[in-house]
Full PDB file with SEQRES, HELIX, SHEET, SSBOND, CRYST1, ORIGX, SCALE, CONECT and MASTER records, all heavy atoms in Angstrom:
SEQRES   1 A   40  VAL GLY ILE LEU PRO GLY SER VAL MET SER GLY VAL THR          
SEQRES   2 A   40  LEU TRP ALA ILE VAL GLY PRO ILE VAL ALA VAL VAL GLY          
SEQRES   3 A   40  LEU GLY LEU VAL GLY TRP GLY ILE ALA ARG GLN ARG ARG          
SEQRES   4 A   40  SER                                                          
HELIX    1 AA1 THR A   13  ARG A   39  1                                  27    
CRYST1    1.000    1.000    1.000  90.00  90.00  90.00 P 1           1          
ORIGX1      1.000000  0.000000  0.000000        0.00000                         
ORIGX2      0.000000  1.000000  0.000000        0.00000                         
ORIGX3      0.000000  0.000000  1.000000        0.00000                         
SCALE1      1.000000  0.000000  0.000000        0.00000                         
SCALE2      0.000000  1.000000  0.000000        0.00000                         
SCALE3      0.000000  0.000000  1.000000        0.00000                         
ATOM      1  N   VAL A   1     -46.936  18.415  33.973  1.00  0.00           N  
ATOM      2  CA  VAL A   1     -47.951  18.926  33.040  1.00  0.00           C  
ATOM      3  C   VAL A   1     -49.186  19.440  33.762  1.00  0.00           C  
ATOM      4  O   VAL A   1     -50.119  19.929  33.133  1.00  0.00           O  
ATOM      5  CB  VAL A   1     -48.350  17.869  31.978  1.00  0.00           C  
ATOM      6  CG1 VAL A   1     -47.174  17.521  31.098  1.00  0.00           C  
ATOM      7  CG2 VAL A   1     -48.933  16.630  32.608  1.00  0.00           C  
ATOM      8  N   GLY A   2     -49.195  19.329  35.090  1.00  0.00           N  
ATOM      9  CA  GLY A   2     -50.270  19.910  35.878  1.00  0.00           C  
ATOM     10  C   GLY A   2     -51.471  19.016  36.109  1.00  0.00           C  
ATOM     11  O   GLY A   2     -52.492  19.461  36.625  1.00  0.00           O  
ATOM     12  N   ILE A   3     -51.382  17.740  35.745  1.00  0.00           N  
ATOM     13  CA  ILE A   3     -52.499  16.814  35.957  1.00  0.00           C  
ATOM     14  C   ILE A   3     -52.571  16.385  37.419  1.00  0.00           C  
ATOM     15  O   ILE A   3     -53.648  16.167  37.958  1.00  0.00           O  
ATOM     16  CB  ILE A   3     -52.359  15.588  35.021  1.00  0.00           C  
ATOM     17  CG1 ILE A   3     -52.515  16.044  33.575  1.00  0.00           C  
ATOM     18  CG2 ILE A   3     -53.362  14.509  35.368  1.00  0.00           C  
ATOM     19  CD1 ILE A   3     -52.271  14.959  32.556  1.00  0.00           C  
ATOM     20  N   LEU A   4     -51.427  16.287  38.068  1.00  0.00           N  
ATOM     21  CA  LEU A   4     -51.341  15.860  39.459  1.00  0.00           C  
ATOM     22  C   LEU A   4     -50.933  17.073  40.304  1.00  0.00           C  
ATOM     23  O   LEU A   4     -49.755  17.328  40.501  1.00  0.00           O  
ATOM     24  CB  LEU A   4     -50.302  14.746  39.588  1.00  0.00           C  
ATOM     25  CG  LEU A   4     -50.443  13.762  40.717  1.00  0.00           C  
ATOM     26  CD1 LEU A   4     -51.694  12.915  40.535  1.00  0.00           C  
ATOM     27  CD2 LEU A   4     -49.240  12.868  40.783  1.00  0.00           C  
ATOM     28  N   PRO A   5     -51.912  17.825  40.799  1.00  0.00           N  
ATOM     29  CA  PRO A   5     -51.585  19.054  41.539  1.00  0.00           C  
ATOM     30  C   PRO A   5     -51.192  18.777  42.988  1.00  0.00           C  
ATOM     31  O   PRO A   5     -51.253  17.647  43.452  1.00  0.00           O  
ATOM     32  CB  PRO A   5     -52.898  19.835  41.484  1.00  0.00           C  
ATOM     33  CG  PRO A   5     -53.950  18.786  41.428  1.00  0.00           C  
ATOM     34  CD  PRO A   5     -53.346  17.644  40.653  1.00  0.00           C  
ATOM     35  N   GLY A   6     -50.804  19.828  43.687  1.00  0.00           N  
ATOM     36  CA  GLY A   6     -50.532  19.722  45.106  1.00  0.00           C  
ATOM     37  C   GLY A   6     -49.070  19.602  45.461  1.00  0.00           C  
ATOM     38  O   GLY A   6     -48.732  19.161  46.551  1.00  0.00           O  
ATOM     39  N   SER A   7     -48.195  19.977  44.561  1.00  0.00           N  
ATOM     40  CA  SER A   7     -46.769  19.879  44.804  1.00  0.00           C  
ATOM     41  C   SER A   7     -46.082  21.102  44.222  1.00  0.00           C  
ATOM     42  O   SER A   7     -46.625  21.763  43.328  1.00  0.00           O  
ATOM     43  CB  SER A   7     -46.225  18.609  44.145  1.00  0.00           C  
ATOM     44  OG  SER A   7     -44.818  18.604  44.151  1.00  0.00           O  
ATOM     45  N   VAL A   8     -44.884  21.390  44.708  1.00  0.00           N  
ATOM     46  CA  VAL A   8     -44.120  22.487  44.117  1.00  0.00           C  
ATOM     47  C   VAL A   8     -43.673  22.137  42.704  1.00  0.00           C  
ATOM     48  O   VAL A   8     -43.282  23.013  41.937  1.00  0.00           O  
ATOM     49  CB  VAL A   8     -42.893  22.865  44.985  1.00  0.00           C  
ATOM     50  CG1 VAL A   8     -43.323  23.406  46.318  1.00  0.00           C  
ATOM     51  CG2 VAL A   8     -41.967  21.684  45.164  1.00  0.00           C  
ATOM     52  N   MET A   9     -43.749  20.867  42.351  1.00  0.00           N  
ATOM     53  CA  MET A   9     -43.384  20.420  41.009  1.00  0.00           C  
ATOM     54  C   MET A   9     -44.538  20.575  40.017  1.00  0.00           C  
ATOM     55  O   MET A   9     -44.332  20.475  38.810  1.00  0.00           O  
ATOM     56  CB  MET A   9     -42.952  18.946  41.057  1.00  0.00           C  
ATOM     57  CG  MET A   9     -41.707  18.718  41.883  1.00  0.00           C  
ATOM     58  SD  MET A   9     -41.410  17.001  42.345  1.00  0.00           S  
ATOM     59  CE  MET A   9     -41.399  16.163  40.817  1.00  0.00           C  
ATOM     60  N   SER A  10     -45.726  20.828  40.504  1.00  0.00           N  
ATOM     61  CA  SER A  10     -46.909  20.923  39.647  1.00  0.00           C  
ATOM     62  C   SER A  10     -46.814  22.124  38.715  1.00  0.00           C  
ATOM     63  O   SER A  10     -46.577  23.245  39.148  1.00  0.00           O  
ATOM     64  CB  SER A  10     -48.176  21.034  40.488  1.00  0.00           C  
ATOM     65  OG  SER A  10     -48.345  19.867  41.246  1.00  0.00           O  
ATOM     66  N   GLY A  11     -46.980  21.856  37.442  1.00  0.00           N  
ATOM     67  CA  GLY A  11     -46.975  22.905  36.442  1.00  0.00           C  
ATOM     68  C   GLY A  11     -45.597  23.414  36.055  1.00  0.00           C  
ATOM     69  O   GLY A  11     -45.480  24.381  35.322  1.00  0.00           O  
ATOM     70  N   VAL A  12     -44.534  22.753  36.511  1.00  0.00           N  
ATOM     71  CA  VAL A  12     -43.168  23.167  36.187  1.00  0.00           C  
ATOM     72  C   VAL A  12     -42.682  22.339  34.997  1.00  0.00           C  
ATOM     73  O   VAL A  12     -42.644  21.115  35.039  1.00  0.00           O  
ATOM     74  CB  VAL A  12     -42.222  22.977  37.400  1.00  0.00           C  
ATOM     75  CG1 VAL A  12     -40.806  23.374  37.043  1.00  0.00           C  
ATOM     76  CG2 VAL A  12     -42.730  23.782  38.585  1.00  0.00           C  
ATOM     77  N   THR A  13     -42.306  23.033  33.932  1.00  0.00           N  
ATOM     78  CA  THR A  13     -41.922  22.370  32.682  1.00  0.00           C  
ATOM     79  C   THR A  13     -40.743  21.419  32.858  1.00  0.00           C  
ATOM     80  O   THR A  13     -40.677  20.390  32.180  1.00  0.00           O  
ATOM     81  CB  THR A  13     -41.580  23.431  31.617  1.00  0.00           C  
ATOM     82  OG1 THR A  13     -42.673  24.332  31.510  1.00  0.00           O  
ATOM     83  CG2 THR A  13     -41.318  22.804  30.275  1.00  0.00           C  
ATOM     84  N   LEU A  14     -39.821  21.740  33.747  1.00  0.00           N  
ATOM     85  CA  LEU A  14     -38.657  20.880  33.962  1.00  0.00           C  
ATOM     86  C   LEU A  14     -39.079  19.448  34.263  1.00  0.00           C  
ATOM     87  O   LEU A  14     -38.518  18.492  33.717  1.00  0.00           O  
ATOM     88  CB  LEU A  14     -37.798  21.422  35.114  1.00  0.00           C  
ATOM     89  CG  LEU A  14     -36.651  20.517  35.563  1.00  0.00           C  
ATOM     90  CD1 LEU A  14     -35.581  20.451  34.481  1.00  0.00           C  
ATOM     91  CD2 LEU A  14     -36.075  20.985  36.876  1.00  0.00           C  
ATOM     92  N   TRP A  15     -40.093  19.280  35.109  1.00  0.00           N  
ATOM     93  CA  TRP A  15     -40.530  17.935  35.490  1.00  0.00           C  
ATOM     94  C   TRP A  15     -41.308  17.255  34.376  1.00  0.00           C  
ATOM     95  O   TRP A  15     -41.339  16.023  34.313  1.00  0.00           O  
ATOM     96  CB  TRP A  15     -41.327  17.978  36.789  1.00  0.00           C  
ATOM     97  CG  TRP A  15     -40.468  18.513  37.882  1.00  0.00           C  
ATOM     98  CD1 TRP A  15     -40.595  19.717  38.498  1.00  0.00           C  
ATOM     99  CD2 TRP A  15     -39.305  17.907  38.429  1.00  0.00           C  
ATOM    100  NE1 TRP A  15     -39.582  19.887  39.408  1.00  0.00           N  
ATOM    101  CE2 TRP A  15     -38.775  18.781  39.388  1.00  0.00           C  
ATOM    102  CE3 TRP A  15     -38.661  16.695  38.213  1.00  0.00           C  
ATOM    103  CZ2 TRP A  15     -37.632  18.489  40.117  1.00  0.00           C  
ATOM    104  CZ3 TRP A  15     -37.524  16.409  38.950  1.00  0.00           C  
ATOM    105  CH2 TRP A  15     -37.018  17.295  39.887  1.00  0.00           C  
ATOM    106  N   ALA A  16     -41.910  18.032  33.490  1.00  0.00           N  
ATOM    107  CA  ALA A  16     -42.580  17.459  32.323  1.00  0.00           C  
ATOM    108  C   ALA A  16     -41.559  16.924  31.322  1.00  0.00           C  
ATOM    109  O   ALA A  16     -41.890  16.094  30.475  1.00  0.00           O  
ATOM    110  CB  ALA A  16     -43.466  18.503  31.662  1.00  0.00           C  
ATOM    111  N   ILE A  17     -40.315  17.382  31.417  1.00  0.00           N  
ATOM    112  CA  ILE A  17     -39.242  16.906  30.537  1.00  0.00           C  
ATOM    113  C   ILE A  17     -38.453  15.782  31.208  1.00  0.00           C  
ATOM    114  O   ILE A  17     -38.169  14.754  30.593  1.00  0.00           O  
ATOM    115  CB  ILE A  17     -38.305  18.074  30.164  1.00  0.00           C  
ATOM    116  CG1 ILE A  17     -39.077  19.103  29.333  1.00  0.00           C  
ATOM    117  CG2 ILE A  17     -37.076  17.574  29.412  1.00  0.00           C  
ATOM    118  CD1 ILE A  17     -38.338  20.412  29.137  1.00  0.00           C  
ATOM    119  N   VAL A  18     -38.103  15.969  32.484  1.00  0.00           N  
ATOM    120  CA  VAL A  18     -37.299  14.984  33.207  1.00  0.00           C  
ATOM    121  C   VAL A  18     -38.092  13.698  33.463  1.00  0.00           C  
ATOM    122  O   VAL A  18     -37.538  12.596  33.388  1.00  0.00           O  
ATOM    123  CB  VAL A  18     -36.779  15.580  34.536  1.00  0.00           C  
ATOM    124  CG1 VAL A  18     -36.090  14.535  35.384  1.00  0.00           C  
ATOM    125  CG2 VAL A  18     -35.838  16.743  34.261  1.00  0.00           C  
ATOM    126  N   GLY A  19     -39.374  13.821  33.754  1.00  0.00           N  
ATOM    127  CA  GLY A  19     -40.204  12.669  34.072  1.00  0.00           C  
ATOM    128  C   GLY A  19     -40.198  11.577  33.011  1.00  0.00           C  
ATOM    129  O   GLY A  19     -39.920  10.412  33.327  1.00  0.00           O  
ATOM    130  N   PRO A  20     -40.488  11.922  31.750  1.00  0.00           N  
ATOM    131  CA  PRO A  20     -40.469  10.864  30.726  1.00  0.00           C  
ATOM    132  C   PRO A  20     -39.094  10.248  30.514  1.00  0.00           C  
ATOM    133  O   PRO A  20     -38.985   9.054  30.232  1.00  0.00           O  
ATOM    134  CB  PRO A  20     -40.929  11.584  29.450  1.00  0.00           C  
ATOM    135  CG  PRO A  20     -41.632  12.798  29.921  1.00  0.00           C  
ATOM    136  CD  PRO A  20     -41.017  13.165  31.233  1.00  0.00           C  
ATOM    137  N   ILE A  21     -38.049  11.045  30.695  1.00  0.00           N  
ATOM    138  CA  ILE A  21     -36.692  10.502  30.552  1.00  0.00           C  
ATOM    139  C   ILE A  21     -36.435   9.458  31.630  1.00  0.00           C  
ATOM    140  O   ILE A  21     -35.936   8.359  31.347  1.00  0.00           O  
ATOM    141  CB  ILE A  21     -35.649  11.645  30.610  1.00  0.00           C  
ATOM    142  CG1 ILE A  21     -35.809  12.557  29.401  1.00  0.00           C  
ATOM    143  CG2 ILE A  21     -34.233  11.085  30.689  1.00  0.00           C  
ATOM    144  CD1 ILE A  21     -35.017  13.853  29.480  1.00  0.00           C  
ATOM    145  N   VAL A  22     -36.795   9.776  32.856  1.00  0.00           N  
ATOM    146  CA  VAL A  22     -36.615   8.829  33.966  1.00  0.00           C  
ATOM    147  C   VAL A  22     -37.477   7.583  33.739  1.00  0.00           C  
ATOM    148  O   VAL A  22     -37.032   6.464  33.977  1.00  0.00           O  
ATOM    149  CB  VAL A  22     -36.944   9.506  35.314  1.00  0.00           C  
ATOM    150  CG1 VAL A  22     -36.977   8.493  36.452  1.00  0.00           C  
ATOM    151  CG2 VAL A  22     -35.944  10.609  35.618  1.00  0.00           C  
ATOM    152  N   ALA A  23     -38.699   7.776  33.252  1.00  0.00           N  
ATOM    153  CA  ALA A  23     -39.590   6.643  33.003  1.00  0.00           C  
ATOM    154  C   ALA A  23     -39.015   5.715  31.924  1.00  0.00           C  
ATOM    155  O   ALA A  23     -39.063   4.488  32.071  1.00  0.00           O  
ATOM    156  CB  ALA A  23     -40.980   7.139  32.601  1.00  0.00           C  
ATOM    157  N   VAL A  24     -38.458   6.290  30.877  1.00  0.00           N  
ATOM    158  CA  VAL A  24     -37.884   5.476  29.798  1.00  0.00           C  
ATOM    159  C   VAL A  24     -36.653   4.716  30.297  1.00  0.00           C  
ATOM    160  O   VAL A  24     -36.463   3.537  29.967  1.00  0.00           O  
ATOM    161  CB  VAL A  24     -37.552   6.354  28.566  1.00  0.00           C  
ATOM    162  CG1 VAL A  24     -36.681   5.619  27.574  1.00  0.00           C  
ATOM    163  CG2 VAL A  24     -38.833   6.826  27.906  1.00  0.00           C  
ATOM    164  N   VAL A  25     -35.831   5.364  31.107  1.00  0.00           N  
ATOM    165  CA  VAL A  25     -34.680   4.674  31.691  1.00  0.00           C  
ATOM    166  C   VAL A  25     -35.158   3.509  32.564  1.00  0.00           C  
ATOM    167  O   VAL A  25     -34.602   2.411  32.505  1.00  0.00           O  
ATOM    168  CB  VAL A  25     -33.804   5.653  32.504  1.00  0.00           C  
ATOM    169  CG1 VAL A  25     -32.766   4.916  33.331  1.00  0.00           C  
ATOM    170  CG2 VAL A  25     -33.120   6.657  31.582  1.00  0.00           C  
ATOM    171  N   GLY A  26     -36.205   3.745  33.344  1.00  0.00           N  
ATOM    172  CA  GLY A  26     -36.767   2.684  34.173  1.00  0.00           C  
ATOM    173  C   GLY A  26     -37.277   1.518  33.344  1.00  0.00           C  
ATOM    174  O   GLY A  26     -37.020   0.358  33.670  1.00  0.00           O  
ATOM    175  N   LEU A  27     -37.991   1.817  32.282  1.00  0.00           N  
ATOM    176  CA  LEU A  27     -38.491   0.747  31.417  1.00  0.00           C  
ATOM    177  C   LEU A  27     -37.347  -0.002  30.743  1.00  0.00           C  
ATOM    178  O   LEU A  27     -37.422  -1.220  30.541  1.00  0.00           O  
ATOM    179  CB  LEU A  27     -39.450   1.319  30.369  1.00  0.00           C  
ATOM    180  CG  LEU A  27     -40.771   1.847  30.921  1.00  0.00           C  
ATOM    181  CD1 LEU A  27     -41.583   2.503  29.799  1.00  0.00           C  
ATOM    182  CD2 LEU A  27     -41.562   0.744  31.579  1.00  0.00           C  
ATOM    183  N   GLY A  28     -36.284   0.715  30.414  1.00  0.00           N  
ATOM    184  CA  GLY A  28     -35.099   0.069  29.852  1.00  0.00           C  
ATOM    185  C   GLY A  28     -34.472  -0.898  30.839  1.00  0.00           C  
ATOM    186  O   GLY A  28     -34.052  -2.005  30.468  1.00  0.00           O  
ATOM    187  N   LEU A  29     -34.396  -0.500  32.109  1.00  0.00           N  
ATOM    188  CA  LEU A  29     -33.863  -1.399  33.130  1.00  0.00           C  
ATOM    189  C   LEU A  29     -34.746  -2.633  33.313  1.00  0.00           C  
ATOM    190  O   LEU A  29     -34.233  -3.743  33.492  1.00  0.00           O  
ATOM    191  CB  LEU A  29     -33.720  -0.658  34.462  1.00  0.00           C  
ATOM    192  CG  LEU A  29     -32.572   0.330  34.576  1.00  0.00           C  
ATOM    193  CD1 LEU A  29     -32.623   1.038  35.927  1.00  0.00           C  
ATOM    194  CD2 LEU A  29     -31.241  -0.350  34.391  1.00  0.00           C  
ATOM    195  N   VAL A  30     -36.052  -2.441  33.269  1.00  0.00           N  
ATOM    196  CA  VAL A  30     -36.966  -3.582  33.362  1.00  0.00           C  
ATOM    197  C   VAL A  30     -36.717  -4.542  32.197  1.00  0.00           C  
ATOM    198  O   VAL A  30     -36.599  -5.755  32.386  1.00  0.00           O  
ATOM    199  CB  VAL A  30     -38.441  -3.119  33.382  1.00  0.00           C  
ATOM    200  CG1 VAL A  30     -39.378  -4.307  33.222  1.00  0.00           C  
ATOM    201  CG2 VAL A  30     -38.745  -2.365  34.663  1.00  0.00           C  
ATOM    202  N   GLY A  31     -36.628  -4.004  31.001  1.00  0.00           N  
ATOM    203  CA  GLY A  31     -36.368  -4.837  29.825  1.00  0.00           C  
ATOM    204  C   GLY A  31     -35.044  -5.561  29.914  1.00  0.00           C  
ATOM    205  O   GLY A  31     -34.943  -6.745  29.569  1.00  0.00           O  
ATOM    206  N   TRP A  32     -34.025  -4.863  30.385  1.00  0.00           N  
ATOM    207  CA  TRP A  32     -32.703  -5.463  30.532  1.00  0.00           C  
ATOM    208  C   TRP A  32     -32.726  -6.575  31.577  1.00  0.00           C  
ATOM    209  O   TRP A  32     -32.148  -7.649  31.375  1.00  0.00           O  
ATOM    210  CB  TRP A  32     -31.694  -4.386  30.899  1.00  0.00           C  
ATOM    211  CG  TRP A  32     -30.259  -4.822  30.890  1.00  0.00           C  
ATOM    212  CD1 TRP A  32     -29.694  -5.818  30.143  1.00  0.00           C  
ATOM    213  CD2 TRP A  32     -29.207  -4.275  31.676  1.00  0.00           C  
ATOM    214  NE1 TRP A  32     -28.366  -5.902  30.414  1.00  0.00           N  
ATOM    215  CE2 TRP A  32     -28.031  -4.972  31.351  1.00  0.00           C  
ATOM    216  CE3 TRP A  32     -29.151  -3.259  32.611  1.00  0.00           C  
ATOM    217  CZ2 TRP A  32     -26.811  -4.684  31.939  1.00  0.00           C  
ATOM    218  CZ3 TRP A  32     -27.923  -2.971  33.189  1.00  0.00           C  
ATOM    219  CH2 TRP A  32     -26.774  -3.670  32.854  1.00  0.00           C  
ATOM    220  N   GLY A  33     -33.408  -6.333  32.682  1.00  0.00           N  
ATOM    221  CA  GLY A  33     -33.522  -7.357  33.716  1.00  0.00           C  
ATOM    222  C   GLY A  33     -34.260  -8.591  33.231  1.00  0.00           C  
ATOM    223  O   GLY A  33     -33.856  -9.724  33.515  1.00  0.00           O  
ATOM    224  N   ILE A  34     -35.323  -8.388  32.470  1.00  0.00           N  
ATOM    225  CA  ILE A  34     -36.083  -9.525  31.927  1.00  0.00           C  
ATOM    226  C   ILE A  34     -35.245 -10.284  30.912  1.00  0.00           C  
ATOM    227  O   ILE A  34     -35.231 -11.514  30.892  1.00  0.00           O  
ATOM    228  CB  ILE A  34     -37.415  -9.042  31.326  1.00  0.00           C  
ATOM    229  CG1 ILE A  34     -38.348  -8.571  32.449  1.00  0.00           C  
ATOM    230  CG2 ILE A  34     -38.074 -10.141  30.493  1.00  0.00           C  
ATOM    231  CD1 ILE A  34     -39.609  -7.889  31.966  1.00  0.00           C  
ATOM    232  N   ALA A  35     -34.514  -9.567  30.065  1.00  0.00           N  
ATOM    233  CA  ALA A  35     -33.671 -10.218  29.068  1.00  0.00           C  
ATOM    234  C   ALA A  35     -32.573 -11.037  29.737  1.00  0.00           C  
ATOM    235  O   ALA A  35     -32.274 -12.159  29.305  1.00  0.00           O  
ATOM    236  CB  ALA A  35     -33.061  -9.175  28.137  1.00  0.00           C  
ATOM    237  N   ARG A  36     -31.978 -10.507  30.794  1.00  0.00           N  
ATOM    238  CA  ARG A  36     -30.935 -11.247  31.508  1.00  0.00           C  
ATOM    239  C   ARG A  36     -31.517 -12.491  32.166  1.00  0.00           C  
ATOM    240  O   ARG A  36     -30.876 -13.537  32.228  1.00  0.00           O  
ATOM    241  CB  ARG A  36     -30.287 -10.366  32.571  1.00  0.00           C  
ATOM    242  CG  ARG A  36     -29.340  -9.347  31.992  1.00  0.00           C  
ATOM    243  CD  ARG A  36     -28.717  -8.535  33.068  1.00  0.00           C  
ATOM    244  NE  ARG A  36     -28.001  -9.440  33.986  1.00  0.00           N  
ATOM    245  CZ  ARG A  36     -26.822  -9.170  34.522  1.00  0.00           C  
ATOM    246  NH1 ARG A  36     -26.240  -8.040  34.242  1.00  0.00           N  
ATOM    247  NH2 ARG A  36     -26.249 -10.019  35.339  1.00  0.00           N  
ATOM    248  N   GLN A  37     -32.742 -12.372  32.664  1.00  0.00           N  
ATOM    249  CA  GLN A  37     -33.384 -13.504  33.310  1.00  0.00           C  
ATOM    250  C   GLN A  37     -33.669 -14.607  32.292  1.00  0.00           C  
ATOM    251  O   GLN A  37     -33.456 -15.780  32.564  1.00  0.00           O  
ATOM    252  CB  GLN A  37     -34.687 -13.044  33.972  1.00  0.00           C  
ATOM    253  CG  GLN A  37     -35.305 -14.051  34.878  1.00  0.00           C  
ATOM    254  CD  GLN A  37     -36.482 -13.470  35.638  1.00  0.00           C  
ATOM    255  OE1 GLN A  37     -37.022 -12.443  35.261  1.00  0.00           O  
ATOM    256  NE2 GLN A  37     -36.843 -14.111  36.708  1.00  0.00           N  
ATOM    257  N   ARG A  38     -34.143 -14.233  31.124  1.00  0.00           N  
ATOM    258  CA  ARG A  38     -34.442 -15.232  30.089  1.00  0.00           C  
ATOM    259  C   ARG A  38     -33.161 -15.881  29.579  1.00  0.00           C  
ATOM    260  O   ARG A  38     -33.151 -17.062  29.280  1.00  0.00           O  
ATOM    261  CB  ARG A  38     -35.182 -14.577  28.930  1.00  0.00           C  
ATOM    262  CG  ARG A  38     -36.607 -14.269  29.250  1.00  0.00           C  
ATOM    263  CD  ARG A  38     -37.339 -13.732  28.052  1.00  0.00           C  
ATOM    264  NE  ARG A  38     -38.712 -13.407  28.395  1.00  0.00           N  
ATOM    265  CZ  ARG A  38     -39.490 -12.685  27.643  1.00  0.00           C  
ATOM    266  NH1 ARG A  38     -39.081 -12.215  26.495  1.00  0.00           N  
ATOM    267  NH2 ARG A  38     -40.727 -12.426  28.027  1.00  0.00           N  
ATOM    268  N   ARG A  39     -32.096 -15.071  29.418  1.00  0.00           N  
ATOM    269  CA  ARG A  39     -30.839 -15.591  28.927  1.00  0.00           C  
ATOM    270  C   ARG A  39     -30.232 -16.607  29.892  1.00  0.00           C  
ATOM    271  O   ARG A  39     -29.631 -17.591  29.483  1.00  0.00           O  
ATOM    272  CB  ARG A  39     -29.850 -14.444  28.707  1.00  0.00           C  
ATOM    273  CG  ARG A  39     -29.244 -14.487  27.341  1.00  0.00           C  
ATOM    274  CD  ARG A  39     -28.270 -13.371  27.094  1.00  0.00           C  
ATOM    275  NE  ARG A  39     -28.992 -12.102  26.933  1.00  0.00           N  
ATOM    276  CZ  ARG A  39     -28.586 -10.947  27.426  1.00  0.00           C  
ATOM    277  NH1 ARG A  39     -27.479 -10.855  28.108  1.00  0.00           N  
ATOM    278  NH2 ARG A  39     -29.291  -9.856  27.236  1.00  0.00           N  
ATOM    279  N   SER A  40     -30.392 -16.363  31.195  1.00  0.00           N  
ATOM    280  CA  SER A  40     -29.798 -17.286  32.173  1.00  0.00           C  
ATOM    281  C   SER A  40     -30.566 -18.600  32.249  1.00  0.00           C  
ATOM    282  O   SER A  40     -30.031 -19.606  32.691  1.00  0.00           O  
ATOM    283  CB  SER A  40     -29.754 -16.625  33.554  1.00  0.00           C  
ATOM    284  OG  SER A  40     -31.051 -16.424  34.063  1.00  0.00           O  
TER     285      SER A  40                                                      
MASTER        0    0    0    1    0    0    0    6  284    1    0    4          
END                                                                             
């Protein structure tokens, strides 16, 4: 989205779309790991 300049990725819409998807997958893994830890 252009907030963090200085890269070839800056201002490229593809990364504004892929970034949140990767972040949500990461948060899902964190949640899954915590749930498995509590279950054990």
